N, C-alpha and C. Protein backbone atom coordinates (compact mmCIF):
# COMPACT_ATOMS: atom_id res chain seq x y z
N MET A 1 162.14 86.16 -31.70
CA MET A 1 162.96 85.17 -32.34
C MET A 1 163.34 84.11 -31.30
N ALA A 2 163.33 82.88 -31.72
CA ALA A 2 163.65 81.79 -30.80
C ALA A 2 165.11 81.75 -30.48
N SER A 3 165.46 81.38 -29.27
CA SER A 3 166.87 81.25 -28.86
C SER A 3 167.46 79.94 -29.45
N THR A 4 168.79 79.93 -29.61
CA THR A 4 169.45 78.82 -30.15
C THR A 4 169.58 77.72 -29.06
N ARG A 5 169.23 76.57 -29.41
CA ARG A 5 169.34 75.44 -28.42
C ARG A 5 170.74 75.10 -28.10
N ARG A 6 170.99 74.86 -26.86
CA ARG A 6 172.35 74.53 -26.36
C ARG A 6 172.32 73.00 -26.08
N VAL A 7 173.14 72.29 -26.78
CA VAL A 7 173.20 70.81 -26.67
C VAL A 7 174.22 70.42 -25.65
N LEU A 8 175.04 71.28 -25.15
CA LEU A 8 176.04 70.91 -24.12
C LEU A 8 175.69 71.40 -22.71
N GLY A 9 174.42 71.53 -22.53
CA GLY A 9 173.99 72.08 -21.24
C GLY A 9 174.18 71.20 -20.01
N ASN A 10 174.48 69.92 -20.26
CA ASN A 10 174.65 68.99 -19.15
C ASN A 10 176.13 68.91 -18.74
N LEU A 11 177.02 69.80 -19.26
CA LEU A 11 178.42 69.84 -18.97
C LEU A 11 178.77 71.03 -18.11
N SER A 12 179.64 70.85 -17.17
CA SER A 12 180.16 72.01 -16.39
C SER A 12 181.59 71.69 -15.82
N VAL A 13 182.25 72.70 -15.48
CA VAL A 13 183.62 72.53 -14.86
C VAL A 13 183.46 73.22 -13.50
N LYS A 14 183.69 72.47 -12.43
CA LYS A 14 183.61 72.97 -11.10
C LYS A 14 184.66 72.37 -10.23
N PRO A 15 185.01 73.08 -9.11
CA PRO A 15 185.96 72.47 -8.20
C PRO A 15 185.31 71.36 -7.39
N ALA A 16 186.04 70.34 -7.05
CA ALA A 16 185.58 69.23 -6.27
C ALA A 16 185.27 69.70 -4.84
N GLY A 17 184.23 69.32 -4.32
CA GLY A 17 183.91 69.64 -2.89
C GLY A 17 184.64 68.85 -1.88
N ARG A 18 185.04 67.64 -2.39
CA ARG A 18 185.88 66.77 -1.53
C ARG A 18 186.69 65.88 -2.46
N SER A 19 187.63 65.15 -1.94
CA SER A 19 188.46 64.27 -2.75
C SER A 19 187.53 63.26 -3.42
N ALA A 20 187.78 62.98 -4.66
CA ALA A 20 186.98 62.03 -5.45
C ALA A 20 187.79 61.37 -6.49
N GLY A 21 187.26 60.27 -7.01
CA GLY A 21 187.91 59.49 -8.04
C GLY A 21 187.40 59.92 -9.37
N CYS A 22 188.19 59.76 -10.45
CA CYS A 22 187.85 60.01 -11.77
C CYS A 22 187.03 58.83 -12.29
N LYS A 23 185.92 59.04 -12.95
CA LYS A 23 185.08 58.00 -13.37
C LYS A 23 185.58 57.27 -14.62
N HIS A 24 186.60 57.92 -15.28
CA HIS A 24 187.19 57.31 -16.47
C HIS A 24 188.37 56.42 -16.17
N ASN A 25 189.22 56.91 -15.21
CA ASN A 25 190.40 56.13 -14.84
C ASN A 25 190.45 56.17 -13.32
N LYS A 26 190.24 54.97 -12.74
CA LYS A 26 190.14 54.82 -11.29
C LYS A 26 191.47 55.13 -10.60
N LYS A 27 192.58 55.22 -11.31
CA LYS A 27 193.86 55.55 -10.76
C LYS A 27 194.01 57.09 -10.52
N HIS A 28 193.17 57.83 -11.23
CA HIS A 28 193.26 59.27 -11.11
C HIS A 28 192.38 59.81 -9.94
N ARG A 29 192.93 60.65 -9.14
CA ARG A 29 192.23 61.27 -8.03
C ARG A 29 192.06 62.75 -8.26
N VAL A 30 190.95 63.25 -7.79
CA VAL A 30 190.73 64.71 -7.84
C VAL A 30 190.71 65.19 -6.40
N ALA A 31 191.65 66.02 -6.05
CA ALA A 31 191.72 66.53 -4.72
C ALA A 31 190.68 67.65 -4.47
N LYS A 32 190.33 67.83 -3.26
CA LYS A 32 189.36 68.85 -2.87
C LYS A 32 189.84 70.19 -3.48
N GLY A 33 188.94 70.90 -4.14
CA GLY A 33 189.32 72.19 -4.69
C GLY A 33 189.87 72.14 -6.14
N GLU A 34 190.28 71.00 -6.61
CA GLU A 34 190.74 70.89 -7.99
C GLU A 34 189.55 70.89 -8.90
N TYR A 35 189.75 71.48 -10.09
CA TYR A 35 188.66 71.53 -11.07
C TYR A 35 188.51 70.23 -11.78
N ARG A 36 187.27 69.90 -12.12
CA ARG A 36 186.93 68.61 -12.77
C ARG A 36 185.79 68.88 -13.71
N LEU A 37 185.67 68.00 -14.71
CA LEU A 37 184.60 68.05 -15.69
C LEU A 37 183.43 67.24 -15.09
N LEU A 38 182.25 67.89 -15.03
CA LEU A 38 181.05 67.19 -14.49
C LEU A 38 180.06 67.02 -15.67
N ILE A 39 179.51 65.84 -15.83
CA ILE A 39 178.49 65.57 -16.80
C ILE A 39 177.26 65.04 -16.08
N LYS A 40 176.20 65.89 -16.19
CA LYS A 40 174.91 65.53 -15.55
C LYS A 40 174.19 64.44 -16.36
N ASN A 41 173.84 63.36 -15.70
CA ASN A 41 173.13 62.31 -16.36
C ASN A 41 171.68 62.72 -16.65
N PRO A 42 171.14 62.32 -17.77
CA PRO A 42 169.79 62.69 -18.12
C PRO A 42 168.74 62.05 -17.19
N GLY A 43 167.64 62.68 -17.02
CA GLY A 43 166.58 62.20 -16.20
C GLY A 43 166.62 62.74 -14.77
N PRO A 44 165.45 62.67 -14.18
CA PRO A 44 165.34 63.20 -12.78
C PRO A 44 166.12 62.33 -11.78
N ALA A 45 166.76 62.96 -10.82
CA ALA A 45 167.51 62.37 -9.79
C ALA A 45 168.54 61.35 -10.23
N SER A 46 169.17 61.65 -11.40
CA SER A 46 170.18 60.75 -11.99
C SER A 46 171.61 61.07 -11.56
N GLY A 47 171.77 62.25 -10.98
CA GLY A 47 173.10 62.64 -10.45
C GLY A 47 174.04 63.07 -11.59
N GLU A 48 175.31 63.12 -11.27
CA GLU A 48 176.35 63.56 -12.22
C GLU A 48 177.60 62.77 -12.04
N VAL A 49 178.38 62.72 -13.13
CA VAL A 49 179.63 61.92 -13.12
C VAL A 49 180.80 62.99 -13.26
N GLY A 50 181.88 62.74 -12.49
CA GLY A 50 183.00 63.64 -12.53
C GLY A 50 184.26 63.04 -13.12
N TYR A 51 184.94 63.80 -13.84
CA TYR A 51 186.25 63.34 -14.47
C TYR A 51 187.35 64.29 -14.07
N CYS A 52 188.56 63.81 -13.92
CA CYS A 52 189.75 64.60 -13.58
C CYS A 52 190.00 65.48 -14.80
N ALA A 53 190.87 66.50 -14.62
CA ALA A 53 191.12 67.48 -15.68
C ALA A 53 191.76 66.74 -16.88
N GLN A 54 192.67 65.83 -16.61
CA GLN A 54 193.33 65.12 -17.73
C GLN A 54 192.38 64.33 -18.57
N CYS A 55 191.49 63.55 -17.96
CA CYS A 55 190.51 62.77 -18.72
C CYS A 55 189.40 63.71 -19.25
N GLY A 56 189.03 64.73 -18.54
CA GLY A 56 188.05 65.68 -19.01
C GLY A 56 188.43 66.34 -20.30
N LEU A 57 189.77 66.68 -20.38
CA LEU A 57 190.26 67.37 -21.58
C LEU A 57 190.14 66.40 -22.79
N LYS A 58 190.47 65.12 -22.58
CA LYS A 58 190.34 64.17 -23.64
C LYS A 58 188.90 64.03 -24.16
N ILE A 59 188.02 63.97 -23.19
CA ILE A 59 186.56 63.87 -23.52
C ILE A 59 186.13 65.05 -24.30
N LEU A 60 186.53 66.30 -23.88
CA LEU A 60 186.12 67.46 -24.56
C LEU A 60 186.79 67.63 -25.94
N GLU A 61 188.04 67.18 -26.09
CA GLU A 61 188.67 67.18 -27.40
C GLU A 61 188.02 66.20 -28.36
N ALA A 62 187.57 65.07 -27.89
CA ALA A 62 186.90 64.15 -28.73
C ALA A 62 185.50 64.71 -29.14
N ALA A 63 184.82 65.38 -28.21
CA ALA A 63 183.52 65.98 -28.56
C ALA A 63 183.72 67.13 -29.52
N HIS A 64 184.79 67.89 -29.35
CA HIS A 64 185.06 68.94 -30.30
C HIS A 64 185.25 68.45 -31.73
N ALA A 65 186.00 67.31 -31.82
CA ALA A 65 186.22 66.76 -33.13
C ALA A 65 184.92 66.25 -33.71
N ASP A 66 184.06 65.72 -32.93
CA ASP A 66 182.69 65.26 -33.42
C ASP A 66 181.93 66.45 -33.88
N VAL A 67 181.86 67.50 -33.16
CA VAL A 67 181.09 68.70 -33.51
C VAL A 67 181.69 69.35 -34.75
N GLN A 68 182.98 69.37 -34.92
CA GLN A 68 183.58 69.85 -36.15
C GLN A 68 183.15 69.09 -37.38
N LYS A 69 183.16 67.76 -37.20
CA LYS A 69 182.73 66.93 -38.39
C LYS A 69 181.30 67.18 -38.71
N LEU A 70 180.40 67.19 -37.73
CA LEU A 70 178.99 67.48 -37.99
C LEU A 70 178.75 68.86 -38.61
N THR A 71 179.54 69.81 -38.13
CA THR A 71 179.44 71.19 -38.67
C THR A 71 179.83 71.19 -40.13
N GLU A 72 180.91 70.52 -40.48
CA GLU A 72 181.36 70.43 -41.88
C GLU A 72 180.35 69.69 -42.75
N GLU A 73 179.75 68.62 -42.27
CA GLU A 73 178.76 67.89 -43.08
C GLU A 73 177.56 68.73 -43.30
N LEU A 74 177.10 69.43 -42.28
CA LEU A 74 175.90 70.30 -42.42
C LEU A 74 176.22 71.45 -43.34
N ALA A 75 177.36 72.06 -43.23
CA ALA A 75 177.74 73.16 -44.09
C ALA A 75 177.79 72.75 -45.58
N GLU A 76 178.29 71.51 -45.79
CA GLU A 76 178.38 70.95 -47.16
C GLU A 76 176.96 70.84 -47.77
N SER A 77 176.03 70.33 -46.95
CA SER A 77 174.67 70.12 -47.42
C SER A 77 173.95 71.45 -47.69
N VAL A 78 174.30 72.51 -47.01
CA VAL A 78 173.67 73.85 -47.25
C VAL A 78 174.20 74.39 -48.54
N SER A 79 175.52 74.23 -48.83
CA SER A 79 176.14 74.80 -49.97
C SER A 79 175.78 74.11 -51.27
N LYS A 80 175.18 73.02 -51.23
CA LYS A 80 174.78 72.27 -52.48
C LYS A 80 173.59 72.86 -53.14
């Protein structure tokens, strides 16, 4: 049986290796060792973008809402 495809494979939560800025809000800083949301850019050698916990949570909440909406739409189409 085929495995289920994971569409959020480019996301991870890891501690910052050094002090860094949040890519969403330049006023937010991520201190060394603080956890942040990392999003790997598509393509070879494209790197990744990091977000502070505050902005990362907003991004994940928006993504969750989008997934919920898609799930409901697909469930409605199956039940017809």
